[in-house]
Protein backbone atom coordinates (compact mmCIF):
# COMPACT_ATOMS: atom_id res chain seq x y z
CA MET A 1 -13.65 30.17 -8.81
CA THR A 2 -16.68 28.90 -10.35
CA ASP A 3 -20.05 28.78 -8.78
CA LEU A 4 -20.10 26.10 -6.15
CA LYS A 5 -23.71 25.11 -7.15
CA SER A 6 -22.28 24.09 -10.62
CA GLN A 7 -19.74 21.56 -8.86
CA PRO A 8 -20.65 18.03 -8.36
CA LEU A 9 -22.53 16.99 -5.21
CA TRP A 10 -19.46 15.57 -3.42
CA LEU A 11 -17.57 18.73 -3.86
CA GLN A 12 -20.31 20.78 -2.67
CA PHE A 13 -20.42 18.86 0.52
CA SER A 14 -16.77 18.34 0.75
CA PRO A 15 -16.17 20.57 3.99
CA HIS A 16 -19.04 18.60 5.66
CA ILE A 17 -17.39 15.36 4.74
CA ILE A 18 -13.97 16.31 5.81
CA THR A 19 -15.25 17.75 9.10
CA GLN A 20 -17.17 14.67 9.90
CA ALA A 21 -14.28 12.35 9.00
CA ALA A 22 -12.00 14.13 11.13
CA ILE A 23 -14.53 14.03 13.98
CA ALA A 24 -14.99 10.37 13.54
CA ALA A 25 -11.26 9.71 13.71
CA LEU A 26 -11.08 11.80 16.84
CA ALA A 27 -14.11 10.12 18.50
CA ILE A 28 -12.65 6.70 17.86
CA ALA A 29 -9.38 7.72 19.43
CA TYR A 30 -10.90 9.29 22.45
CA TYR A 31 -13.43 6.22 22.76
CA ALA A 32 -10.44 3.69 22.76
CA GLN A 33 -8.62 6.02 25.47
CA ILE A 34 -11.59 6.80 27.63
CA VAL A 35 -13.95 3.72 27.23
CA GLU A 36 -11.63 1.00 26.33
CA GLY A 37 -8.66 2.13 28.54
CA LEU A 38 -6.11 2.20 25.70
CA GLU A 39 -3.21 4.40 26.80
CA PRO A 40 -2.06 6.53 23.99
CA CYS A 41 1.55 7.03 23.35
CA ILE A 42 3.01 10.25 22.20
CA LEU A 43 2.93 9.39 18.67
CA CYS A 44 -0.77 8.61 18.96
CA LEU A 45 -1.40 12.14 20.59
CA TYR A 46 0.48 13.65 17.58
CA GLN A 47 -1.62 11.84 15.07
CA ARG A 48 -4.68 13.51 16.55
CA VAL A 49 -3.57 17.07 15.91
CA PRO A 50 -4.02 17.08 12.00
CA PHE A 51 -7.57 16.01 12.46
CA ALA A 52 -8.24 18.74 14.86
CA LEU A 53 -6.80 21.31 12.32
CA VAL A 54 -9.05 19.88 9.62
CA ILE A 55 -11.96 20.18 11.73
CA GLY A 56 -11.17 23.99 11.83
CA LEU A 57 -10.48 24.19 8.15
CA GLY A 58 -13.79 22.38 7.52
CA LEU A 59 -15.78 24.65 9.44
CA VAL A 60 -14.28 27.55 7.38
CA GLY A 61 -15.14 25.86 4.29
CA MET A 62 -18.81 25.20 5.59
CA PHE A 63 -19.45 28.83 6.47
CA ARG A 64 -17.31 30.53 4.02
CA PRO A 65 -17.61 28.39 0.86
CA VAL A 66 -15.55 31.13 -1.20
CA HIS A 67 -12.44 29.90 0.54
CA LEU A 68 -13.02 26.28 -0.40
CA LYS A 69 -10.42 26.58 -3.10
CA PHE A 70 -7.88 27.31 -0.04
CA VAL A 71 -9.38 24.91 2.35
CA MET A 72 -9.30 21.71 0.08
CA PRO A 73 -5.66 21.74 -0.77
CA LEU A 74 -4.53 22.85 2.76
CA ALA A 75 -6.71 19.98 4.29
CA GLY A 76 -5.23 17.51 1.78
CA LEU A 77 -1.71 18.58 2.75
CA ILE A 78 -2.75 18.38 6.44
CA PHE A 79 -4.13 14.77 5.89
CA LEU A 80 -0.94 13.93 4.06
CA ALA A 81 1.20 15.09 6.97
CA GLY A 82 -1.18 13.14 9.51
CA GLY A 83 -0.66 10.01 7.31
CA GLY A 84 3.36 10.53 7.42
CA ILE A 85 3.11 10.70 11.17
CA ALA A 86 1.01 7.56 11.36
CA LEU A 87 3.47 5.95 9.10
CA TYR A 88 6.47 6.79 11.12
CA HIS A 89 4.25 5.22 14.18
CA VAL A 90 3.81 2.22 12.09
CA GLY A 91 7.60 2.08 11.47
CA VAL A 92 8.29 2.34 15.31
CA GLU A 93 5.65 -0.40 16.09
CA GLN A 94 7.28 -2.75 13.44
CA GLN A 95 10.86 -1.80 14.54
CA TRP A 96 11.87 -0.76 11.15
CA TRP A 97 13.44 2.41 12.93
CA GLN A 98 14.19 3.38 16.49
CA SER A 99 12.34 6.06 18.47
CA SER A 100 13.13 7.45 21.79
CA CYS A 101 9.53 8.14 22.61
CA GLY A 102 9.35 5.47 25.31
CA GLY A 103 10.30 7.61 28.15
CA GLU A 104 13.85 6.39 28.67
CA LEU A 105 15.67 8.08 31.54
CA ALA A 106 17.71 11.05 30.53
CA GLY A 107 21.48 10.79 30.75
CA GLN A 108 22.43 13.49 33.25
CA LEU A 109 19.79 13.57 36.09
CA SER A 110 20.34 14.83 39.67
CA THR A 111 19.10 12.81 42.52
CA ILE A 112 16.12 14.85 42.99
CA ASP A 113 14.95 14.88 39.37
CA LEU A 114 15.52 11.02 39.53
CA MET A 115 13.33 10.85 42.60
CA VAL A 116 10.67 13.10 40.88
CA GLN A 117 10.80 10.84 37.75
CA LEU A 118 10.42 7.52 39.55
CA GLN A 119 7.35 8.77 41.32
CA GLN A 120 5.58 9.62 37.87
CA LYS A 121 4.05 7.19 35.71
CA PRO A 122 6.27 6.38 32.89
CA ALA A 123 5.28 7.37 29.29
CA LYS A 124 3.79 4.60 27.21
CA ALA A 125 6.37 3.28 24.69
CA CYS A 126 5.46 3.87 21.07
CA ASP A 127 6.55 0.48 19.98
CA GLU A 128 4.32 -1.33 22.22
CA LEU A 129 1.19 -2.58 20.26
CA GLU A 130 -1.71 -2.38 22.64
CA TRP A 131 -4.63 -3.10 19.92
CA ALA A 132 -4.99 -4.63 16.67
CA LEU A 133 -7.83 -5.68 14.36
CA PHE A 134 -7.08 -8.66 11.94
CA GLY A 135 -3.41 -7.94 13.05
CA ILE A 136 -3.42 -4.46 11.88
CA SER A 137 -2.75 -1.48 14.38
CA MET A 138 -4.73 1.61 14.87
CA ALA A 139 -1.85 3.56 13.49
CA THR A 140 -1.73 1.45 10.25
CA TYR A 141 -5.41 2.21 9.85
CA ASN A 142 -4.73 5.82 10.04
CA VAL A 143 -2.21 5.77 7.46
CA VAL A 144 -4.73 4.34 5.16
CA TYR A 145 -7.63 6.72 6.39
CA SER A 146 -5.45 9.79 6.23
CA LEU A 147 -4.09 9.09 2.82
CA ALA A 148 -7.56 8.42 1.35
CA LEU A 149 -8.89 11.70 2.88
CA SER A 150 -5.76 13.41 1.49
CA VAL A 151 -6.63 12.15 -2.10
CA PHE A 152 -10.23 13.14 -1.71
CA CYS A 153 -9.12 16.77 -0.76
CA LEU A 154 -6.57 17.24 -3.30
CA ALA A 155 -8.95 15.67 -6.07
CA GLY A 156 -11.50 18.27 -4.88
CA ALA A 157 -8.76 21.14 -5.11
CA CYS A 158 -7.92 20.19 -8.57
CA LYS A 159 -11.56 20.16 -9.73
CA LEU A 160 -12.14 23.46 -7.89
CA ARG A 161 -9.05 24.73 -9.85
CA ASN A 162 -10.46 23.67 -13.27
């Protein structure tokens, strides 16, 4: 690997950028949940996992820059996977395909299991759009955000490889 100091400034600060971008995404999600009272569905929660993973990778890149050649492509793939989860969620919201994440009752329940399930709060359905800005859901924004960050990371990985 070439000396990081000889790389462009954006690449030198790339671990800081991806860490801060992931923290910002999680901060927005938790703000919407805690302050605005938007209840996340299971797919919303799954979309948070890649951002948490990238925070860990970004910290590795910050404190061990020698590992940046591994951090950047891995972060790019994780962001790409996160974009895929978000795209799946958009498809469920738009009813392009069906999903059973709405908390339907299982087929074979005993009476006791049914009573326990009735006393619990039902899971939020993934196809219920609770928030949109300019008619665009949070999951759709996440698709664009994750894909842009993936391109950033993979471009950095290519630059580091050359």
